[in-house]
């Protein structure tokens, strides 16, 4: 799986899928078949609706707005340097890297606009409020069982914790807070996310990312 611009791309042989939810459903079907299940049941309409609601919130601006400016600008500069270097190394891809370069500049401009930051935050708040109401009725987003809708929600909550925003966005919503505690007990969470987000490992995750960027910049290995 790779990304072309901001569009997710999944390729399995000659089969190529571009939509995030379609990719998830495709992988879900593969998992069901691999498990030896006799029948394949696609995600329900309710699950897909929740997946769409979660996907509609773009976390990019919100996340960047909560990163200290000096670090954010350093990484932004590094990304621009990479794009410029790639443009000179691969002229045939110059238009693609020019698009990435333009996006980097546009992102920095958006981060200066209070309305853009407010809309991103308001969108997140509306989403979490809706999740909070749903979890007052069911233990998971789409009912009694953990589904792909929950799989898409978990990274949103993990992102808030990584940014030290759980008190503002999670703890104040008791149903989400309880849900988040239970989710973190799942073996799949512990294997995929938990080991990077708990205790000192959380800071190591951030430090490792920063260290790699710093080293690559110094060695100019793009």
N, C-alpha and C. Protein backbone atom coordinates (compact mmCIF):
# COMPACT_ATOMS: atom_id res chain seq x y z
N UNK A 1 0.85 -1.19 0.00
CA UNK A 1 0.00 0.00 0.00
C UNK A 1 0.89 1.24 0.00
N UNK A 2 0.57 2.20 -0.89
CA UNK A 2 1.34 3.42 -0.92
C UNK A 2 0.41 4.59 -1.09
N UNK A 3 1.00 5.78 -1.18
CA UNK A 3 0.18 6.98 -1.31
C UNK A 3 0.63 7.77 -2.53
N UNK A 4 -0.35 8.16 -3.35
CA UNK A 4 -0.07 9.02 -4.50
C UNK A 4 -0.69 10.36 -4.18
N UNK A 5 0.17 11.35 -3.82
CA UNK A 5 -0.40 12.61 -3.32
C UNK A 5 -1.03 12.34 -1.98
N UNK A 6 -2.31 12.69 -1.83
CA UNK A 6 -3.02 12.45 -0.58
C UNK A 6 -4.00 11.30 -0.74
N UNK A 7 -3.96 10.63 -1.91
CA UNK A 7 -4.91 9.55 -2.18
C UNK A 7 -4.28 8.22 -1.84
N UNK A 8 -4.91 7.41 -0.95
CA UNK A 8 -4.35 6.10 -0.63
C UNK A 8 -4.49 5.16 -1.82
N UNK A 9 -3.48 4.37 -2.06
CA UNK A 9 -3.50 3.43 -3.17
C UNK A 9 -3.12 2.05 -2.66
N UNK A 10 -3.96 1.05 -2.96
CA UNK A 10 -3.67 -0.33 -2.57
C UNK A 10 -3.61 -1.16 -3.83
N UNK A 11 -2.52 -1.92 -3.98
CA UNK A 11 -2.38 -2.76 -5.16
C UNK A 11 -2.09 -4.18 -4.74
N UNK A 12 -2.90 -5.09 -5.25
CA UNK A 12 -2.71 -6.52 -5.01
C UNK A 12 -2.72 -7.18 -6.38
N UNK A 13 -1.52 -7.41 -6.91
CA UNK A 13 -1.43 -7.91 -8.27
C UNK A 13 -1.91 -6.84 -9.24
N UNK A 14 -2.86 -7.18 -10.08
CA UNK A 14 -3.41 -6.22 -11.04
C UNK A 14 -4.59 -5.45 -10.46
N UNK A 15 -4.96 -5.78 -9.23
CA UNK A 15 -6.12 -5.15 -8.59
C UNK A 15 -5.66 -3.90 -7.85
N UNK A 16 -6.17 -2.74 -8.26
CA UNK A 16 -5.78 -1.47 -7.65
C UNK A 16 -7.03 -0.77 -7.10
N UNK A 17 -6.94 -0.33 -5.83
CA UNK A 17 -8.05 0.36 -5.17
C UNK A 17 -7.54 1.70 -4.64
N UNK A 18 -8.37 2.74 -4.78
CA UNK A 18 -7.95 4.08 -4.39
C UNK A 18 -8.67 4.62 -3.15
N UNK A 19 -9.88 4.17 -2.92
CA UNK A 19 -10.66 4.71 -1.80
C UNK A 19 -10.33 3.98 -0.50
N UNK A 20 -10.11 4.76 0.57
CA UNK A 20 -9.69 4.17 1.85
C UNK A 20 -10.66 3.12 2.35
N UNK A 21 -11.95 3.43 2.34
CA UNK A 21 -12.94 2.49 2.85
C UNK A 21 -13.01 1.24 1.97
N UNK A 22 -12.90 1.42 0.66
CA UNK A 22 -12.88 0.26 -0.24
C UNK A 22 -11.67 -0.63 0.05
N UNK A 23 -10.53 0.01 0.36
CA UNK A 23 -9.31 -0.74 0.69
C UNK A 23 -9.54 -1.56 1.95
N UNK A 24 -10.12 -0.93 2.97
CA UNK A 24 -10.37 -1.62 4.23
C UNK A 24 -11.30 -2.80 4.03
N UNK A 25 -12.36 -2.60 3.26
CA UNK A 25 -13.31 -3.68 3.01
C UNK A 25 -12.66 -4.82 2.22
N UNK A 26 -11.78 -4.48 1.31
CA UNK A 26 -11.09 -5.49 0.52
C UNK A 26 -10.20 -6.34 1.43
N UNK A 27 -9.42 -5.66 2.29
CA UNK A 27 -8.56 -6.38 3.23
C UNK A 27 -9.39 -7.21 4.19
N UNK A 28 -10.53 -6.68 4.59
CA UNK A 28 -11.43 -7.39 5.49
C UNK A 28 -11.90 -8.69 4.85
N UNK A 29 -12.24 -8.64 3.57
CA UNK A 29 -12.70 -9.85 2.87
C UNK A 29 -11.57 -10.88 2.76
N UNK A 30 -10.35 -10.38 2.50
CA UNK A 30 -9.20 -11.28 2.42
C UNK A 30 -8.99 -11.98 3.77
N UNK A 31 -9.13 -11.22 4.86
CA UNK A 31 -8.94 -11.79 6.20
C UNK A 31 -9.98 -12.85 6.49
N UNK A 32 -11.22 -12.59 6.08
CA UNK A 32 -12.30 -13.56 6.33
C UNK A 32 -12.02 -14.85 5.57
N UNK A 33 -11.62 -14.71 4.30
CA UNK A 33 -11.32 -15.89 3.48
C UNK A 33 -10.13 -16.66 4.07
N UNK A 34 -9.10 -15.93 4.48
CA UNK A 34 -7.90 -16.56 5.04
C UNK A 34 -8.19 -17.30 6.33
N UNK A 35 -9.21 -16.83 7.07
CA UNK A 35 -9.54 -17.47 8.33
C UNK A 35 -10.30 -18.78 8.14
N UNK A 36 -10.72 -19.04 6.90
CA UNK A 36 -11.43 -20.28 6.62
C UNK A 36 -12.92 -20.21 6.90
N UNK A 37 -13.45 -18.99 7.06
CA UNK A 37 -14.89 -18.84 7.30
C UNK A 37 -15.67 -19.33 6.10
N UNK A 38 -16.82 -19.96 6.36
CA UNK A 38 -17.63 -20.53 5.28
C UNK A 38 -18.37 -19.45 4.50
N UNK A 39 -18.67 -18.35 5.13
CA UNK A 39 -19.39 -17.28 4.44
C UNK A 39 -18.69 -15.96 4.67
N UNK A 40 -18.83 -15.06 3.72
CA UNK A 40 -18.21 -13.76 3.81
C UNK A 40 -19.30 -12.71 4.01
N UNK A 41 -19.21 -11.97 5.09
CA UNK A 41 -20.21 -10.93 5.35
C UNK A 41 -19.53 -9.58 5.29
N UNK A 42 -19.97 -8.75 4.35
CA UNK A 42 -19.39 -7.42 4.20
C UNK A 42 -19.83 -6.56 5.37
N UNK A 43 -19.09 -5.49 5.59
CA UNK A 43 -19.44 -4.57 6.67
C UNK A 43 -20.86 -4.05 6.45
N UNK A 44 -21.59 -3.91 7.51
CA UNK A 44 -22.97 -3.44 7.42
C UNK A 44 -23.02 -1.97 7.00
N UNK A 45 -24.18 -1.51 6.61
CA UNK A 45 -24.35 -0.12 6.21
C UNK A 45 -23.98 0.81 7.36
N UNK A 46 -24.34 0.43 8.59
CA UNK A 46 -24.03 1.27 9.74
C UNK A 46 -22.52 1.39 9.95
N UNK A 47 -21.82 0.29 9.77
CA UNK A 47 -20.36 0.30 9.91
C UNK A 47 -19.74 1.22 8.87
N UNK A 48 -20.19 1.09 7.64
CA UNK A 48 -19.65 1.91 6.56
C UNK A 48 -19.94 3.39 6.80
N UNK A 49 -21.13 3.70 7.32
CA UNK A 49 -21.48 5.10 7.61
C UNK A 49 -20.53 5.69 8.65
N UNK A 50 -20.22 4.91 9.68
CA UNK A 50 -19.29 5.39 10.69
C UNK A 50 -17.89 5.55 10.12
N UNK A 51 -17.49 4.61 9.28
CA UNK A 51 -16.18 4.71 8.64
C UNK A 51 -16.07 5.99 7.81
N UNK A 52 -17.16 6.32 7.12
CA UNK A 52 -17.17 7.53 6.31
C UNK A 52 -17.08 8.78 7.18
N UNK A 53 -17.81 8.79 8.29
CA UNK A 53 -17.78 9.95 9.19
C UNK A 53 -16.37 10.18 9.73
N UNK A 54 -15.71 9.11 10.09
CA UNK A 54 -14.35 9.23 10.64
C UNK A 54 -13.37 9.68 9.56
N UNK A 55 -13.53 9.13 8.37
CA UNK A 55 -12.63 9.48 7.27
C UNK A 55 -12.81 10.94 6.85
N UNK A 56 -14.00 11.49 7.03
CA UNK A 56 -14.27 12.86 6.60
C UNK A 56 -13.47 13.89 7.39
N UNK A 57 -13.01 13.51 8.58
CA UNK A 57 -12.17 14.43 9.35
C UNK A 57 -10.72 14.23 8.96
N UNK A 58 -10.09 15.27 8.44
CA UNK A 58 -8.69 15.22 8.05
C UNK A 58 -7.84 15.65 9.25
N UNK A 59 -7.04 14.77 9.82
CA UNK A 59 -6.28 15.09 11.04
C UNK A 59 -5.02 15.91 10.81
N UNK A 60 -4.67 16.16 9.55
CA UNK A 60 -3.38 16.77 9.25
C UNK A 60 -3.21 18.14 9.90
N UNK A 61 -4.13 19.07 9.61
CA UNK A 61 -4.02 20.44 10.13
C UNK A 61 -4.11 20.45 11.65
N UNK A 62 -5.04 19.66 12.18
CA UNK A 62 -5.22 19.61 13.63
C UNK A 62 -3.94 19.14 14.30
N UNK A 63 -3.34 18.09 13.78
CA UNK A 63 -2.12 17.54 14.37
C UNK A 63 -0.97 18.53 14.31
N UNK A 64 -0.75 19.10 13.13
CA UNK A 64 0.36 20.04 12.96
C UNK A 64 0.20 21.28 13.84
N UNK A 65 -1.04 21.69 14.07
CA UNK A 65 -1.28 22.88 14.89
C UNK A 65 -0.93 22.65 16.35
N UNK A 66 -0.77 21.39 16.76
CA UNK A 66 -0.44 21.08 18.15
C UNK A 66 1.02 20.66 18.33
N UNK A 67 1.79 20.81 17.27
CA UNK A 67 3.23 20.52 17.35
C UNK A 67 3.96 21.85 17.52
N UNK A 68 4.92 21.96 18.45
CA UNK A 68 5.66 23.21 18.62
C UNK A 68 6.16 23.75 17.29
N UNK A 69 5.98 25.04 17.07
CA UNK A 69 6.25 25.64 15.76
C UNK A 69 7.68 25.40 15.28
N UNK A 70 8.66 25.51 16.16
CA UNK A 70 10.05 25.37 15.71
C UNK A 70 10.32 23.98 15.15
N UNK A 71 9.69 22.95 15.74
CA UNK A 71 9.87 21.60 15.23
C UNK A 71 9.10 21.40 13.94
N UNK A 72 7.88 21.95 13.90
CA UNK A 72 7.05 21.81 12.71
C UNK A 72 7.71 22.47 11.51
N UNK A 73 8.24 23.67 11.71
CA UNK A 73 8.87 24.40 10.61
C UNK A 73 10.14 23.70 10.14
N UNK A 74 10.85 23.09 11.08
CA UNK A 74 12.06 22.36 10.71
C UNK A 74 11.72 21.19 9.79
N UNK A 75 10.69 20.43 10.17
CA UNK A 75 10.29 19.28 9.36
C UNK A 75 9.72 19.75 8.03
N UNK A 76 8.95 20.85 8.04
CA UNK A 76 8.39 21.38 6.81
C UNK A 76 9.51 21.77 5.84
N UNK A 77 10.56 22.39 6.38
CA UNK A 77 11.71 22.78 5.55
C UNK A 77 12.38 21.53 4.98
N UNK A 78 12.50 20.50 5.80
CA UNK A 78 13.12 19.25 5.36
C UNK A 78 12.32 18.64 4.21
N UNK A 79 10.98 18.64 4.33
CA UNK A 79 10.13 18.09 3.29
C UNK A 79 10.30 18.86 1.99
N UNK A 80 10.40 20.18 2.08
CA UNK A 80 10.59 20.99 0.88
C UNK A 80 11.95 20.70 0.24
N UNK A 81 12.97 20.51 1.06
CA UNK A 81 14.30 20.20 0.54
C UNK A 81 14.29 18.85 -0.19
N UNK A 82 13.57 17.90 0.38
CA UNK A 82 13.47 16.58 -0.26
C UNK A 82 12.80 16.72 -1.61
N UNK A 83 11.68 17.45 -1.66
CA UNK A 83 10.95 17.62 -2.90
C UNK A 83 11.82 18.28 -3.97
N UNK A 84 12.55 19.31 -3.59
CA UNK A 84 13.41 20.01 -4.54
C UNK A 84 14.53 19.09 -5.04
N UNK A 85 15.11 18.32 -4.13
CA UNK A 85 16.17 17.39 -4.51
C UNK A 85 15.65 16.32 -5.46
N UNK A 86 14.47 15.82 -5.17
CA UNK A 86 13.88 14.80 -6.02
C UNK A 86 13.55 15.35 -7.40
N UNK A 87 13.12 16.58 -7.47
CA UNK A 87 12.79 17.21 -8.75
C UNK A 87 14.01 17.24 -9.66
N UNK A 88 15.19 17.54 -9.09
CA UNK A 88 16.41 17.62 -9.90
C UNK A 88 16.93 16.23 -10.26
N UNK A 89 16.70 15.25 -9.37
CA UNK A 89 17.18 13.89 -9.62
C UNK A 89 16.30 13.15 -10.62
N UNK A 90 15.00 13.45 -10.61
CA UNK A 90 14.06 12.72 -11.47
C UNK A 90 13.20 13.73 -12.23
N UNK A 91 13.72 14.30 -13.29
CA UNK A 91 12.98 15.31 -14.05
C UNK A 91 11.62 14.83 -14.54
N UNK A 92 11.54 13.52 -14.85
CA UNK A 92 10.27 12.98 -15.36
C UNK A 92 9.17 13.01 -14.30
N UNK A 93 9.56 13.15 -13.03
CA UNK A 93 8.58 13.22 -11.94
C UNK A 93 8.50 14.62 -11.35
N UNK A 94 9.06 15.58 -12.04
CA UNK A 94 9.12 16.94 -11.53
C UNK A 94 7.74 17.49 -11.18
N UNK A 95 6.74 17.21 -12.03
CA UNK A 95 5.39 17.74 -11.77
C UNK A 95 4.82 17.18 -10.48
N UNK A 96 5.09 15.90 -10.21
CA UNK A 96 4.59 15.28 -8.97
C UNK A 96 5.25 15.91 -7.75
N UNK A 97 6.56 16.10 -7.81
CA UNK A 97 7.26 16.69 -6.67
C UNK A 97 6.94 18.18 -6.53
N UNK A 98 6.66 18.81 -7.65
CA UNK A 98 6.25 20.22 -7.57
C UNK A 98 4.92 20.32 -6.84
N UNK A 99 4.04 19.36 -7.08
CA UNK A 99 2.75 19.34 -6.39
C UNK A 99 2.94 19.14 -4.88
N UNK A 100 3.88 18.27 -4.51
CA UNK A 100 4.17 18.06 -3.09
C UNK A 100 4.76 19.32 -2.46
N UNK A 101 5.63 19.98 -3.22
CA UNK A 101 6.24 21.21 -2.73
C UNK A 101 5.17 22.28 -2.51
N UNK A 102 4.26 22.40 -3.47
CA UNK A 102 3.17 23.36 -3.36
C UNK A 102 2.29 23.05 -2.15
N UNK A 103 2.03 21.76 -1.94
CA UNK A 103 1.19 21.36 -0.81
C UNK A 103 1.85 21.72 0.52
N UNK A 104 3.19 21.56 0.59
CA UNK A 104 3.91 21.90 1.83
C UNK A 104 3.77 23.38 2.15
N UNK A 105 3.91 24.22 1.13
CA UNK A 105 3.77 25.66 1.34
C UNK A 105 2.32 26.01 1.72
N UNK A 106 1.37 25.39 1.05
CA UNK A 106 -0.04 25.67 1.33
C UNK A 106 -0.41 25.26 2.75
N UNK A 107 0.17 24.16 3.21
CA UNK A 107 -0.11 23.70 4.57
C UNK A 107 0.36 24.72 5.59
N UNK A 108 1.56 25.25 5.39
CA UNK A 108 2.08 26.25 6.33
C UNK A 108 1.21 27.51 6.34
N UNK A 109 0.68 27.87 5.17
CA UNK A 109 -0.19 29.04 5.10
C UNK A 109 -1.51 28.78 5.83
N UNK A 110 -2.04 27.58 5.67
CA UNK A 110 -3.29 27.23 6.34
C UNK A 110 -3.14 27.27 7.85
N UNK A 111 -1.97 26.89 8.34
CA UNK A 111 -1.74 26.86 9.78
C UNK A 111 -1.70 28.26 10.38
N UNK A 112 -1.63 29.28 9.53
CA UNK A 112 -1.64 30.66 10.00
C UNK A 112 -3.06 31.22 10.06
N UNK A 113 -4.02 30.46 9.52
CA UNK A 113 -5.40 30.93 9.44
C UNK A 113 -6.22 30.39 10.60
N UNK A 114 -6.70 31.28 11.45
CA UNK A 114 -7.46 30.87 12.63
C UNK A 114 -8.73 30.12 12.25
N UNK A 115 -9.37 30.52 11.16
CA UNK A 115 -10.61 29.87 10.75
C UNK A 115 -10.38 28.42 10.34
N UNK A 116 -9.25 28.17 9.69
CA UNK A 116 -8.93 26.80 9.27
C UNK A 116 -8.72 25.91 10.49
N UNK A 117 -7.99 26.41 11.47
CA UNK A 117 -7.74 25.65 12.69
C UNK A 117 -9.04 25.42 13.46
N UNK A 118 -9.89 26.45 13.49
CA UNK A 118 -11.16 26.32 14.21
C UNK A 118 -12.07 25.30 13.54
N UNK A 119 -12.13 25.30 12.22
CA UNK A 119 -12.99 24.33 11.52
C UNK A 119 -12.51 22.91 11.74
N UNK A 120 -11.21 22.72 11.74
CA UNK A 120 -10.66 21.39 11.98
C UNK A 120 -11.02 20.89 13.38
N UNK A 121 -10.86 21.79 14.36
CA UNK A 121 -11.20 21.43 15.74
C UNK A 121 -12.69 21.18 15.90
N UNK A 122 -13.51 22.06 15.33
CA UNK A 122 -14.97 21.90 15.44
C UNK A 122 -15.44 20.60 14.81
N UNK A 123 -14.83 20.23 13.69
CA UNK A 123 -15.19 18.98 13.03
C UNK A 123 -14.88 17.79 13.95
N UNK A 124 -13.72 17.83 14.57
CA UNK A 124 -13.34 16.76 15.49
C UNK A 124 -14.31 16.70 16.68
N UNK A 125 -14.65 17.86 17.23
CA UNK A 125 -15.55 17.91 18.38
C UNK A 125 -16.91 17.32 18.01
N UNK A 126 -17.43 17.67 16.85
CA UNK A 126 -18.72 17.12 16.41
C UNK A 126 -18.65 15.61 16.27
N UNK A 127 -17.55 15.14 15.70
CA UNK A 127 -17.38 13.70 15.54
C UNK A 127 -17.35 13.00 16.88
N UNK A 128 -16.55 13.51 17.81
CA UNK A 128 -16.43 12.89 19.13
C UNK A 128 -17.74 12.96 19.91
N UNK A 129 -18.48 14.04 19.77
CA UNK A 129 -19.78 14.16 20.45
C UNK A 129 -20.75 13.11 19.92
N UNK A 130 -20.70 12.88 18.61
CA UNK A 130 -21.57 11.86 18.02
C UNK A 130 -21.15 10.46 18.48
N UNK A 131 -19.85 10.24 18.56
CA UNK A 131 -19.34 8.96 19.07
C UNK A 131 -19.78 8.77 20.52
N UNK A 132 -19.69 9.83 21.31
CA UNK A 132 -20.07 9.77 22.72
C UNK A 132 -21.54 9.37 22.86
N UNK A 133 -22.41 9.94 22.04
CA UNK A 133 -23.83 9.59 22.09
C UNK A 133 -24.05 8.14 21.69
N UNK A 134 -23.35 7.70 20.67
CA UNK A 134 -23.53 6.32 20.22
C UNK A 134 -23.05 5.33 21.28
N UNK A 135 -21.94 5.64 21.93
CA UNK A 135 -21.40 4.73 22.94
C UNK A 135 -22.22 4.73 24.23
N UNK A 136 -23.16 5.64 24.34
CA UNK A 136 -24.08 5.60 25.48
C UNK A 136 -25.16 4.55 25.25
N UNK A 137 -25.26 4.08 24.00
CA UNK A 137 -26.29 3.10 23.64
C UNK A 137 -25.71 1.72 23.34
N UNK A 138 -24.50 1.69 22.78
CA UNK A 138 -23.87 0.42 22.42
C UNK A 138 -22.42 0.42 22.87
N UNK A 139 -21.86 -0.75 23.16
CA UNK A 139 -20.46 -0.81 23.62
C UNK A 139 -19.44 -0.47 22.54
N UNK A 140 -19.84 -0.60 21.28
CA UNK A 140 -18.96 -0.26 20.17
C UNK A 140 -19.71 0.63 19.19
N UNK A 141 -18.99 1.18 18.24
CA UNK A 141 -19.60 2.17 17.36
C UNK A 141 -20.82 1.65 16.60
N UNK A 142 -20.73 0.44 16.12
CA UNK A 142 -21.82 -0.08 15.28
C UNK A 142 -22.60 -1.20 15.96
N UNK A 143 -22.59 -1.23 17.28
CA UNK A 143 -23.37 -2.26 17.97
C UNK A 143 -22.59 -2.98 19.05
N UNK A 144 -22.85 -4.26 19.17
CA UNK A 144 -22.27 -5.06 20.24
C UNK A 144 -20.85 -5.56 19.93
N UNK A 145 -20.51 -5.60 18.64
CA UNK A 145 -19.24 -6.17 18.25
C UNK A 145 -18.24 -5.10 17.80
N UNK A 146 -16.97 -5.41 17.99
CA UNK A 146 -15.88 -4.55 17.52
C UNK A 146 -15.78 -4.72 16.01
N UNK A 147 -15.90 -3.64 15.25
CA UNK A 147 -15.92 -3.71 13.79
C UNK A 147 -14.83 -2.82 13.18
N UNK A 148 -14.84 -2.77 11.85
CA UNK A 148 -13.87 -1.92 11.16
C UNK A 148 -14.11 -0.45 11.47
N UNK A 149 -15.31 -0.09 11.88
CA UNK A 149 -15.58 1.29 12.29
C UNK A 149 -14.73 1.64 13.51
N UNK A 150 -14.64 0.70 14.45
CA UNK A 150 -13.81 0.91 15.64
C UNK A 150 -12.33 0.95 15.27
N UNK A 151 -11.97 0.13 14.28
CA UNK A 151 -10.58 0.11 13.82
C UNK A 151 -10.16 1.49 13.32
N UNK A 152 -11.09 2.19 12.65
CA UNK A 152 -10.79 3.52 12.14
C UNK A 152 -10.81 4.58 13.24
N UNK A 153 -11.60 4.35 14.28
CA UNK A 153 -11.69 5.33 15.37
C UNK A 153 -10.47 5.27 16.29
N UNK A 154 -9.94 4.09 16.51
CA UNK A 154 -8.83 3.92 17.44
C UNK A 154 -7.63 4.83 17.13
N UNK A 155 -7.18 4.95 15.87
CA UNK A 155 -6.06 5.85 15.60
C UNK A 155 -6.36 7.31 15.92
N UNK A 156 -7.63 7.71 15.82
CA UNK A 156 -8.00 9.08 16.17
C UNK A 156 -7.76 9.31 17.66
N UNK A 157 -8.20 8.37 18.48
CA UNK A 157 -8.02 8.48 19.93
C UNK A 157 -6.54 8.36 20.30
N UNK A 158 -5.83 7.48 19.61
CA UNK A 158 -4.39 7.32 19.88
C UNK A 158 -3.65 8.61 19.53
N UNK A 159 -4.06 9.25 18.47
CA UNK A 159 -3.44 10.52 18.06
C UNK A 159 -3.62 11.58 19.15
N UNK A 160 -4.82 11.64 19.71
CA UNK A 160 -5.11 12.62 20.77
C UNK A 160 -4.26 12.34 22.00
N UNK A 161 -4.07 11.08 22.31
CA UNK A 161 -3.22 10.73 23.46
C UNK A 161 -1.77 11.09 23.19
N UNK A 162 -1.30 10.82 21.99
CA UNK A 162 0.09 11.13 21.65
C UNK A 162 0.35 12.62 21.74
N UNK A 163 -0.67 13.43 21.42
CA UNK A 163 -0.53 14.88 21.47
C UNK A 163 -0.83 15.45 22.86
N UNK A 164 -1.03 14.55 23.84
CA UNK A 164 -1.33 14.96 25.21
C UNK A 164 -2.63 15.76 25.30
N UNK A 165 -3.62 15.34 24.51
CA UNK A 165 -4.91 16.03 24.48
C UNK A 165 -6.05 15.15 25.00
N UNK A 166 -5.69 14.04 25.66
CA UNK A 166 -6.75 13.13 26.12
C UNK A 166 -7.65 13.77 27.17
N UNK A 167 -7.09 14.64 28.01
CA UNK A 167 -7.92 15.29 29.04
C UNK A 167 -8.99 16.17 28.41
N UNK A 168 -8.63 16.85 27.35
CA UNK A 168 -9.57 17.77 26.70
C UNK A 168 -10.60 17.05 25.84
N UNK A 169 -10.19 16.00 25.15
CA UNK A 169 -11.07 15.38 24.16
C UNK A 169 -11.61 14.01 24.55
N UNK A 170 -10.94 13.31 25.45
CA UNK A 170 -11.37 11.94 25.79
C UNK A 170 -11.94 11.86 27.20
N UNK A 171 -11.19 12.30 28.19
CA UNK A 171 -11.61 12.16 29.59
C UNK A 171 -12.93 12.87 29.85
N UNK A 172 -13.14 14.00 29.21
CA UNK A 172 -14.38 14.75 29.42
C UNK A 172 -15.60 14.11 28.80
N UNK A 173 -15.42 13.04 28.06
CA UNK A 173 -16.52 12.28 27.47
C UNK A 173 -16.49 10.89 28.09
N UNK A 174 -17.27 10.66 29.14
CA UNK A 174 -17.16 9.42 29.93
C UNK A 174 -17.34 8.13 29.14
N UNK A 175 -18.22 8.14 28.15
CA UNK A 175 -18.42 6.92 27.37
C UNK A 175 -17.21 6.60 26.49
N UNK A 176 -16.65 7.66 25.90
CA UNK A 176 -15.44 7.45 25.11
C UNK A 176 -14.28 7.05 26.01
N UNK A 177 -14.20 7.66 27.19
CA UNK A 177 -13.12 7.35 28.13
C UNK A 177 -13.16 5.87 28.52
N UNK A 178 -14.37 5.38 28.82
CA UNK A 178 -14.51 3.96 29.18
C UNK A 178 -14.19 3.06 27.99
N UNK A 179 -14.68 3.45 26.84
CA UNK A 179 -14.42 2.71 25.60
C UNK A 179 -12.91 2.64 25.32
N UNK A 180 -12.22 3.77 25.51
CA UNK A 180 -10.79 3.85 25.25
C UNK A 180 -10.02 2.93 26.17
N UNK A 181 -10.42 2.84 27.42
CA UNK A 181 -9.76 1.95 28.38
C UNK A 181 -9.90 0.49 27.92
N UNK A 182 -11.11 0.13 27.50
CA UNK A 182 -11.36 -1.24 27.06
C UNK A 182 -10.60 -1.56 25.78
N UNK A 183 -10.59 -0.62 24.86
CA UNK A 183 -9.88 -0.83 23.59
C UNK A 183 -8.40 -1.10 23.83
N UNK A 184 -7.82 -0.39 24.77
CA UNK A 184 -6.39 -0.54 25.03
C UNK A 184 -6.04 -1.89 25.65
N UNK A 185 -7.06 -2.63 26.09
CA UNK A 185 -6.82 -3.96 26.63
C UNK A 185 -6.83 -5.03 25.55
N UNK A 186 -7.26 -4.66 24.36
CA UNK A 186 -7.31 -5.62 23.26
C UNK A 186 -5.90 -6.02 22.84
N UNK A 187 -5.71 -7.29 22.56
CA UNK A 187 -4.39 -7.79 22.17
C UNK A 187 -3.91 -7.12 20.88
N UNK A 188 -4.84 -6.91 19.94
CA UNK A 188 -4.46 -6.28 18.68
C UNK A 188 -3.95 -4.86 18.90
N UNK A 189 -4.58 -4.13 19.82
CA UNK A 189 -4.13 -2.76 20.12
C UNK A 189 -2.73 -2.80 20.73
N UNK A 190 -2.53 -3.68 21.68
CA UNK A 190 -1.23 -3.77 22.35
C UNK A 190 -0.11 -4.09 21.37
N UNK A 191 -0.40 -4.94 20.38
CA UNK A 191 0.62 -5.34 19.43
C UNK A 191 0.91 -4.26 18.40
N UNK A 192 -0.14 -3.58 17.96
CA UNK A 192 0.03 -2.63 16.85
C UNK A 192 0.32 -1.21 17.31
N UNK A 193 -0.37 -0.75 18.36
CA UNK A 193 -0.26 0.65 18.77
C UNK A 193 0.27 0.82 20.18
N UNK A 194 -0.27 0.08 21.10
CA UNK A 194 0.02 0.28 22.51
C UNK A 194 1.48 0.33 22.88
N UNK A 195 2.29 -0.52 22.27
CA UNK A 195 3.70 -0.58 22.65
C UNK A 195 4.45 0.70 22.30
N UNK A 196 3.88 1.50 21.41
CA UNK A 196 4.52 2.75 21.03
C UNK A 196 3.96 3.97 21.75
N UNK A 197 2.81 3.80 22.41
CA UNK A 197 2.12 4.94 22.98
C UNK A 197 2.04 4.93 24.50
N UNK A 198 2.49 3.88 25.14
CA UNK A 198 2.38 3.80 26.59
C UNK A 198 3.64 4.27 27.29
N UNK A 199 3.46 5.08 28.33
CA UNK A 199 4.57 5.49 29.18
C UNK A 199 5.72 6.13 28.42
N UNK A 200 6.94 5.73 28.76
CA UNK A 200 8.13 6.32 28.16
C UNK A 200 8.24 6.01 26.68
N UNK A 201 7.58 4.93 26.21
CA UNK A 201 7.65 4.59 24.79
C UNK A 201 7.00 5.67 23.93
N UNK A 202 6.02 6.34 24.51
CA UNK A 202 5.37 7.45 23.79
C UNK A 202 6.38 8.52 23.42
N UNK A 203 7.23 8.88 24.37
CA UNK A 203 8.24 9.90 24.12
C UNK A 203 9.33 9.35 23.22
N UNK A 204 9.60 8.06 23.32
CA UNK A 204 10.60 7.47 22.45
C UNK A 204 10.13 7.49 21.00
N UNK A 205 8.82 7.29 20.79
CA UNK A 205 8.26 7.34 19.45
C UNK A 205 8.49 8.70 18.82
N UNK A 206 8.20 9.76 19.58
CA UNK A 206 8.40 11.11 19.08
C UNK A 206 9.89 11.40 18.86
N UNK A 207 10.74 10.97 19.81
CA UNK A 207 12.17 11.22 19.71
C UNK A 207 12.77 10.48 18.51
N UNK A 208 12.32 9.26 18.28
CA UNK A 208 12.85 8.48 17.17
C UNK A 208 12.52 9.15 15.84
N UNK A 209 11.29 9.63 15.70
CA UNK A 209 10.88 10.30 14.47
C UNK A 209 11.73 11.54 14.24
N UNK A 210 11.92 12.32 15.30
CA UNK A 210 12.72 13.54 15.20
C UNK A 210 14.17 13.22 14.86
N UNK A 211 14.72 12.20 15.49
CA UNK A 211 16.12 11.81 15.27
C UNK A 211 16.36 11.41 13.81
N UNK A 212 15.43 10.63 13.24
CA UNK A 212 15.58 10.18 11.85
C UNK A 212 15.56 11.36 10.89
N UNK A 213 14.66 12.30 11.15
CA UNK A 213 14.59 13.48 10.30
C UNK A 213 15.89 14.27 10.38
N UNK A 214 16.40 14.43 11.59
CA UNK A 214 17.63 15.20 11.82
C UNK A 214 18.81 14.55 11.10
N UNK A 215 18.98 13.24 11.25
CA UNK A 215 20.10 12.53 10.64
C UNK A 215 20.03 12.61 9.11
N UNK A 216 18.83 12.36 8.57
CA UNK A 216 18.69 12.40 7.11
C UNK A 216 18.99 13.79 6.58
N UNK A 217 18.63 14.79 7.35
CA UNK A 217 18.89 16.16 6.89
C UNK A 217 20.38 16.44 6.90
N UNK A 218 21.06 16.02 7.93
CA UNK A 218 22.51 16.27 8.04
C UNK A 218 23.28 15.52 6.94
N UNK A 219 22.86 14.29 6.66
CA UNK A 219 23.55 13.47 5.65
C UNK A 219 23.02 13.72 4.26
N UNK A 220 21.89 14.49 4.19
CA UNK A 220 21.25 14.79 2.90
C UNK A 220 20.92 13.52 2.15
N UNK A 221 20.42 12.53 2.86
CA UNK A 221 19.99 11.28 2.22
C UNK A 221 18.50 11.37 2.03
N UNK A 222 18.09 11.72 0.84
CA UNK A 222 16.68 11.90 0.53
C UNK A 222 16.08 10.62 -0.01
